């Protein structure tokens, strides 16, 4: 009888562990690690925008990020702050 009770407890513990998210079990989640987006500053309007949503252009070999196409055009026309 005691062995049956221990077996039932182990089975219950196994079922609970199987339902835990992969992160708690020590395995990477199927979708991979979470991505963290970085804020970048627009040199024209001085606003911050997520890098993934910014308009990226190369200026003198370095990436410059803009909040939109309008600010990028203003930058190239020389209408930006120093």
Protein backbone atom coordinates (compact mmCIF):
# COMPACT_ATOMS: atom_id res chain seq x y z
CA UNK A 1 0.00 0.00 0.00
CA UNK A 2 2.85 2.37 0.88
CA UNK A 3 4.56 1.74 -2.46
CA UNK A 4 1.34 2.57 -4.30
CA UNK A 5 1.04 5.87 -2.40
CA UNK A 6 4.66 6.79 -3.19
CA UNK A 7 4.14 5.90 -6.85
CA UNK A 8 1.02 8.08 -7.02
CA UNK A 9 2.89 11.03 -5.44
CA UNK A 10 5.76 10.65 -7.90
CA UNK A 11 3.34 10.50 -10.81
CA UNK A 12 1.59 13.65 -9.58
CA UNK A 13 4.94 15.44 -9.20
CA UNK A 14 5.95 14.41 -12.71
CA UNK A 15 2.68 15.74 -14.15
CA UNK A 16 3.20 19.10 -12.40
CA UNK A 17 6.79 19.37 -13.63
CA UNK A 18 5.74 18.63 -17.21
CA UNK A 19 3.42 21.64 -17.18
CA UNK A 20 6.07 24.12 -16.05
CA UNK A 21 7.39 26.49 -18.73
CA UNK A 22 10.62 25.47 -20.41
CA UNK A 23 12.49 28.34 -18.76
CA UNK A 24 11.90 26.85 -15.32
CA UNK A 25 13.02 23.40 -16.42
CA UNK A 26 16.42 24.70 -17.58
CA UNK A 27 15.73 24.38 -21.31
CA UNK A 28 15.59 27.30 -23.73
CA UNK A 29 12.10 28.19 -24.84
CA UNK A 30 11.14 27.18 -28.39
CA UNK A 31 10.97 30.79 -29.56
CA UNK A 32 14.50 31.51 -28.31
CA UNK A 33 15.62 34.22 -25.94
CA UNK A 34 13.51 37.37 -25.78
CA UNK A 35 14.71 40.17 -28.00
CA UNK A 36 15.36 43.51 -26.42
CA UNK A 37 14.88 46.53 -28.62
CA UNK A 38 17.10 49.54 -28.15
CA UNK A 39 16.05 53.20 -28.24
CA UNK A 40 17.92 55.44 -30.67
CA UNK A 41 17.76 59.23 -30.94
CA UNK A 42 16.69 60.98 -34.12
CA UNK A 43 19.28 63.73 -34.86
CA UNK A 44 16.65 65.99 -36.46
CA UNK A 45 13.67 66.09 -34.11
CA UNK A 46 15.54 64.73 -31.08
CA UNK A 47 12.92 62.06 -30.35
CA UNK A 48 13.69 58.50 -29.35
CA UNK A 49 12.46 55.64 -31.50
CA UNK A 50 12.81 51.86 -31.28
CA UNK A 51 15.71 50.71 -33.43
CA UNK A 52 13.53 48.05 -35.06
CA UNK A 53 11.07 50.73 -36.24
CA UNK A 54 13.57 53.46 -37.11
CA UNK A 55 14.60 54.47 -40.62
CA UNK A 56 18.28 53.49 -40.83
CA UNK A 57 20.68 55.20 -43.20
CA UNK A 58 24.46 55.16 -43.58
CA UNK A 59 26.07 58.57 -43.17
CA UNK A 60 29.87 58.74 -43.51
CA UNK A 61 30.03 54.98 -42.98
CA UNK A 62 28.10 55.05 -39.69
CA UNK A 63 24.45 54.15 -39.13
CA UNK A 64 22.10 57.04 -38.35
CA UNK A 65 18.54 56.37 -37.21
CA UNK A 66 15.51 58.56 -37.92
CA UNK A 67 11.93 58.45 -36.68
CA UNK A 68 10.65 58.63 -40.26
CA UNK A 69 11.44 59.41 -43.88
CA UNK A 70 10.63 63.10 -43.40
CA UNK A 71 13.33 63.55 -40.75
CA UNK A 72 15.81 61.62 -42.93
CA UNK A 73 15.09 63.99 -45.83
CA UNK A 74 15.44 67.04 -43.56
CA UNK A 75 18.78 65.67 -42.35
CA UNK A 76 20.09 65.35 -45.90
CA UNK A 77 18.89 68.88 -46.73
CA UNK A 78 20.91 70.15 -43.77
CA UNK A 79 17.89 71.05 -41.62
CA UNK A 80 19.08 69.40 -38.44
CA UNK A 81 20.38 70.61 -35.12
CA UNK A 82 24.11 70.73 -34.54
